[in-house]
């Protein structure tokens, strides 16, 4: 009987996380929803741009700095070698939408135990603070990212064990779905950064490789959905 109740509870929690993901994506498409989710919008931009930046470092390029604006947009300033190939450009572009989903899925899996939940919160909090000191070069980033980092660390140190697990799960979900904050971005050739038009990540991938940008948008969306589904199942498997 206890086992059945345990399984039922896990299913409810898994359903709750999927519901949070769907509701968040829906709210982000509205003006009032974007206002409610503003802290998560900034976090989504940080996840996205850090994905680009870290991919640049791993592929031999230079991650110069990161800008985050008060409207929730941002960009990673990257310098690639003159002999960088098409694959390098494609990987750096793809890491923006896919990097956060990978990290988010790992956060969700980390919520399986209280100990790993606390460790994940500690790492995320310090990552926000340290990355601000090293790469962020915008006032909005200087103000909001350390505040978010301190809030995450405070939650880890002062919150209840059950809160640790739920927080890691919610943050993981937000990381996974961060690219869908502007749902049409993956299926557009351009977007707006700081009020100016800029090439979208999927258009950059299309330029570097084959197929139109909307094909890459669809492929990335499928991978993100699969990562979210896998991580939720893994976190709550018995």
Protein backbone atom coordinates (compact mmCIF):
# COMPACT_ATOMS: atom_id res chain seq x y z
CA UNK A 1 0.00 0.00 0.00
CA UNK A 2 2.79 2.45 0.91
CA UNK A 3 4.50 1.63 -2.36
CA UNK A 4 1.35 2.45 -4.31
CA UNK A 5 0.97 5.77 -2.48
CA UNK A 6 4.64 6.54 -3.13
CA UNK A 7 4.22 5.85 -6.84
CA UNK A 8 1.03 7.92 -6.98
CA UNK A 9 2.78 10.86 -5.31
CA UNK A 10 5.64 10.67 -7.80
CA UNK A 11 3.20 10.71 -10.68
CA UNK A 12 1.46 13.78 -9.28
CA UNK A 13 4.80 15.57 -8.87
CA UNK A 14 5.86 14.63 -12.38
CA UNK A 15 2.53 15.86 -13.72
CA UNK A 16 2.97 19.10 -11.78
CA UNK A 17 6.35 19.76 -13.40
CA UNK A 18 5.01 19.14 -16.89
CA UNK A 19 2.09 21.46 -16.07
CA UNK A 20 4.51 24.15 -14.84
CA UNK A 21 6.42 23.86 -18.11
CA UNK A 22 3.30 24.24 -20.25
CA UNK A 23 1.85 27.07 -18.15
CA UNK A 24 5.17 28.95 -18.15
CA UNK A 25 5.46 28.75 -21.94
CA UNK A 26 1.88 29.98 -22.25
CA UNK A 27 2.36 32.84 -19.79
CA UNK A 28 5.53 34.00 -21.55
CA UNK A 29 3.47 34.66 -24.67
CA UNK A 30 1.37 37.30 -22.83
CA UNK A 31 2.36 40.71 -21.49
CA UNK A 32 1.17 40.09 -17.93
CA UNK A 33 2.66 36.60 -17.96
CA UNK A 34 6.03 37.97 -19.02
CA UNK A 35 5.86 40.43 -16.12
CA UNK A 36 5.03 37.67 -13.62
CA UNK A 37 7.86 35.49 -14.93
CA UNK A 38 10.38 38.35 -15.29
CA UNK A 39 13.02 36.83 -12.95
CA UNK A 40 12.77 33.55 -14.87
CA UNK A 41 13.10 35.50 -18.14
CA UNK A 42 16.44 36.90 -17.01
CA UNK A 43 17.49 33.45 -15.82
CA UNK A 44 16.45 32.01 -19.20
CA UNK A 45 18.62 34.56 -21.01
CA UNK A 46 21.56 33.76 -18.73
CA UNK A 47 21.19 30.02 -19.40
CA UNK A 48 20.97 30.66 -23.14
CA UNK A 49 23.93 33.00 -23.48
CA UNK A 50 26.13 30.95 -21.15
CA UNK A 51 25.38 28.00 -23.43
CA UNK A 52 26.83 29.94 -26.36
CA UNK A 53 29.79 31.14 -24.34
CA UNK A 54 30.82 27.81 -22.85
CA UNK A 55 30.44 26.10 -26.23
CA UNK A 56 32.75 28.73 -27.69
CA UNK A 57 35.39 27.95 -25.07
CA UNK A 58 35.05 24.19 -25.63
CA UNK A 59 35.46 24.59 -29.40
CA UNK A 60 38.58 26.74 -29.14
CA UNK A 61 36.97 30.17 -29.52
CA UNK A 62 37.03 33.06 -27.06
CA UNK A 63 34.10 34.02 -24.81
CA UNK A 64 34.70 37.74 -24.35
CA UNK A 65 31.66 38.99 -22.43
CA UNK A 66 27.92 38.59 -21.89
CA UNK A 67 25.25 41.26 -22.08
CA UNK A 68 21.80 40.98 -20.50
CA UNK A 69 19.30 43.80 -20.99
CA UNK A 70 16.37 44.82 -18.82
CA UNK A 71 13.92 43.71 -21.54
CA UNK A 72 15.16 40.13 -21.05
CA UNK A 73 17.21 39.92 -24.23
CA UNK A 74 20.96 39.42 -24.35
CA UNK A 75 23.94 38.17 -26.30
CA UNK A 76 27.30 36.49 -25.78
CA UNK A 77 30.23 38.25 -27.45
CA UNK A 78 32.36 35.51 -28.98
CA UNK A 79 35.53 35.62 -31.04
CA UNK A 80 36.14 32.66 -33.31
CA UNK A 81 39.49 31.79 -34.93
CA UNK A 82 39.85 32.79 -38.58
CA UNK A 83 40.13 29.12 -39.52
CA UNK A 84 37.00 28.06 -37.60
CA UNK A 85 34.90 25.62 -39.60
CA UNK A 86 31.18 25.41 -40.23
CA UNK A 87 30.74 22.76 -37.54
CA UNK A 88 32.22 25.12 -34.94
CA UNK A 89 29.75 27.88 -35.83
CA UNK A 90 26.86 25.41 -35.81
CA UNK A 91 27.82 23.97 -32.41
CA UNK A 92 28.15 27.41 -30.82
CA UNK A 93 24.78 28.48 -32.24
CA UNK A 94 23.05 25.26 -31.16
CA UNK A 95 24.46 25.48 -27.63
CA UNK A 96 22.26 28.49 -26.89
CA UNK A 97 18.97 26.57 -27.00
CA UNK A 98 20.34 23.09 -26.24
CA UNK A 99 22.85 23.87 -23.46
CA UNK A 100 20.22 25.09 -20.99
CA UNK A 101 18.04 22.05 -21.73
CA UNK A 102 20.93 19.72 -20.94
CA UNK A 103 21.73 21.55 -17.70
CA UNK A 104 18.04 21.72 -16.81
CA UNK A 105 17.56 18.00 -17.28
CA UNK A 106 20.55 17.34 -15.02
CA UNK A 107 19.05 19.64 -12.37
CA UNK A 108 15.77 17.73 -12.50
CA UNK A 109 17.60 14.40 -12.16
CA UNK A 110 19.59 15.85 -9.24
CA UNK A 111 16.32 16.35 -7.37
CA UNK A 112 16.10 12.60 -6.73
CA UNK A 113 17.76 13.10 -3.33
CA UNK A 114 17.95 15.97 -0.85
CA UNK A 115 21.75 15.89 -0.83
CA UNK A 116 22.09 16.25 -4.60
CA UNK A 117 19.32 18.87 -4.63
CA UNK A 118 21.24 21.02 -2.17
CA UNK A 119 24.47 20.55 -4.13
CA UNK A 120 22.74 21.55 -7.36
CA UNK A 121 21.34 24.71 -5.76
CA UNK A 122 24.75 25.63 -4.35
CA UNK A 123 26.46 25.15 -7.72
CA UNK A 124 23.79 27.11 -9.60
CA UNK A 125 23.85 29.99 -7.11
CA UNK A 126 27.61 30.37 -7.28
CA UNK A 127 27.61 29.95 -11.07
CA UNK A 128 25.30 32.96 -11.34
CA UNK A 129 27.56 35.05 -9.10
CA UNK A 130 30.92 33.99 -10.56
CA UNK A 131 29.78 34.28 -14.18
CA UNK A 132 28.59 37.82 -13.45
CA UNK A 133 32.02 38.77 -12.15
CA UNK A 134 33.87 37.14 -15.05
CA UNK A 135 31.73 37.78 -18.14
CA UNK A 136 28.71 40.03 -17.56
CA UNK A 137 29.14 43.62 -18.76
CA UNK A 138 25.67 45.14 -18.47
CA UNK A 139 23.98 46.98 -15.57
CA UNK A 140 20.87 44.77 -15.68
CA UNK A 141 23.06 41.68 -15.43
CA UNK A 142 25.12 43.15 -12.59
CA UNK A 143 21.97 43.87 -10.59
CA UNK A 144 19.74 40.87 -11.22
CA UNK A 145 22.06 37.89 -11.69
CA UNK A 146 23.92 38.16 -8.34
CA UNK A 147 20.56 38.75 -6.63
CA UNK A 148 19.20 35.56 -8.18
CA UNK A 149 22.38 33.73 -7.20
CA UNK A 150 22.14 34.87 -3.59
CA UNK A 151 18.46 33.92 -3.48
CA UNK A 152 19.27 30.40 -4.69
CA UNK A 153 22.09 30.02 -2.14
CA UNK A 154 19.86 31.36 0.65
CA UNK A 155 17.19 28.84 -0.30
CA UNK A 156 19.74 26.04 -0.17
CA UNK A 157 20.97 27.05 3.28
CA UNK A 158 17.74 28.16 4.92
CA UNK A 159 14.98 26.26 3.12
CA UNK A 160 13.35 23.00 4.12
CA UNK A 161 14.51 19.74 2.48
CA UNK A 162 11.25 19.43 0.54
CA UNK A 163 11.72 22.98 -0.72
CA UNK A 164 15.21 22.10 -1.97
CA UNK A 165 13.90 19.35 -4.21
CA UNK A 166 10.96 21.35 -5.54
CA UNK A 167 13.18 24.38 -6.22
CA UNK A 168 15.70 22.32 -8.19
CA UNK A 169 12.89 20.76 -10.18
CA UNK A 170 11.28 24.11 -11.02
CA UNK A 171 14.64 25.68 -11.94
CA UNK A 172 15.46 22.67 -14.07
CA UNK A 173 12.15 22.94 -15.90
CA UNK A 174 12.71 26.65 -16.48
CA UNK A 175 16.15 25.93 -17.92
CA UNK A 176 14.76 23.25 -20.24
CA UNK A 177 12.01 25.45 -21.64
CA UNK A 178 13.96 28.72 -21.64
CA UNK A 179 14.26 28.83 -25.44
CA UNK A 180 10.47 28.78 -25.72
CA UNK A 181 10.18 32.06 -23.82
CA UNK A 182 9.69 33.59 -27.27
CA UNK A 183 8.04 30.58 -28.84
CA UNK A 184 8.51 31.68 -32.45
CA UNK A 185 12.24 32.41 -32.03
CA UNK A 186 13.33 28.91 -33.05
CA UNK A 187 11.20 29.17 -36.19
CA UNK A 188 12.31 32.65 -37.25
CA UNK A 189 15.32 33.91 -39.15
CA UNK A 190 15.83 36.80 -36.73
CA UNK A 191 15.02 38.13 -33.29
CA UNK A 192 15.54 41.30 -31.26
CA UNK A 193 18.46 41.92 -28.90
CA UNK A 194 18.48 45.20 -27.03
CA UNK A 195 15.85 46.54 -29.43
CA UNK A 196 17.86 45.67 -32.55
CA UNK A 197 17.26 42.91 -35.07
CA UNK A 198 19.75 40.03 -34.96
CA UNK A 199 20.08 36.67 -36.68
CA UNK A 200 18.43 33.79 -34.83
CA UNK A 201 20.39 30.76 -33.67
CA UNK A 202 18.55 28.45 -36.04
CA UNK A 203 19.29 30.74 -38.99
CA UNK A 204 22.97 30.69 -38.00
CA UNK A 205 22.89 26.88 -37.92
CA UNK A 206 21.20 26.83 -41.33
CA UNK A 207 23.90 29.12 -42.75
CA UNK A 208 26.64 26.88 -41.38
CA UNK A 209 25.07 23.57 -42.38
CA UNK A 210 22.18 22.41 -44.54
CA UNK A 211 18.36 22.61 -44.32
CA UNK A 212 16.24 25.72 -43.59
CA UNK A 213 16.15 27.32 -40.14
CA UNK A 214 12.66 26.03 -39.34
CA UNK A 215 13.89 22.44 -39.73
CA UNK A 216 16.54 23.09 -37.10
CA UNK A 217 13.93 24.77 -34.91
CA UNK A 218 11.79 21.66 -35.08
CA UNK A 219 14.73 19.33 -34.42
CA UNK A 220 15.89 21.36 -31.41
CA UNK A 221 12.35 21.48 -30.00
CA UNK A 222 12.08 17.69 -30.25
CA UNK A 223 15.41 17.22 -28.46
CA UNK A 224 14.42 19.66 -25.69
CA UNK A 225 11.04 17.97 -25.18
CA UNK A 226 12.76 14.57 -25.07
CA UNK A 227 15.30 15.79 -22.50
CA UNK A 228 12.53 17.22 -20.31
CA UNK A 229 10.47 14.03 -20.53
CA UNK A 230 13.49 11.80 -19.82
CA UNK A 231 14.66 13.84 -16.83
CA UNK A 232 11.20 13.95 -15.23
CA UNK A 233 10.83 10.18 -15.64
CA UNK A 234 14.33 9.63 -14.25
CA UNK A 235 13.73 11.89 -11.26
CA UNK A 236 10.56 10.11 -10.24
CA UNK A 237 11.27 6.51 -11.24
CA UNK A 238 10.94 4.04 -8.37
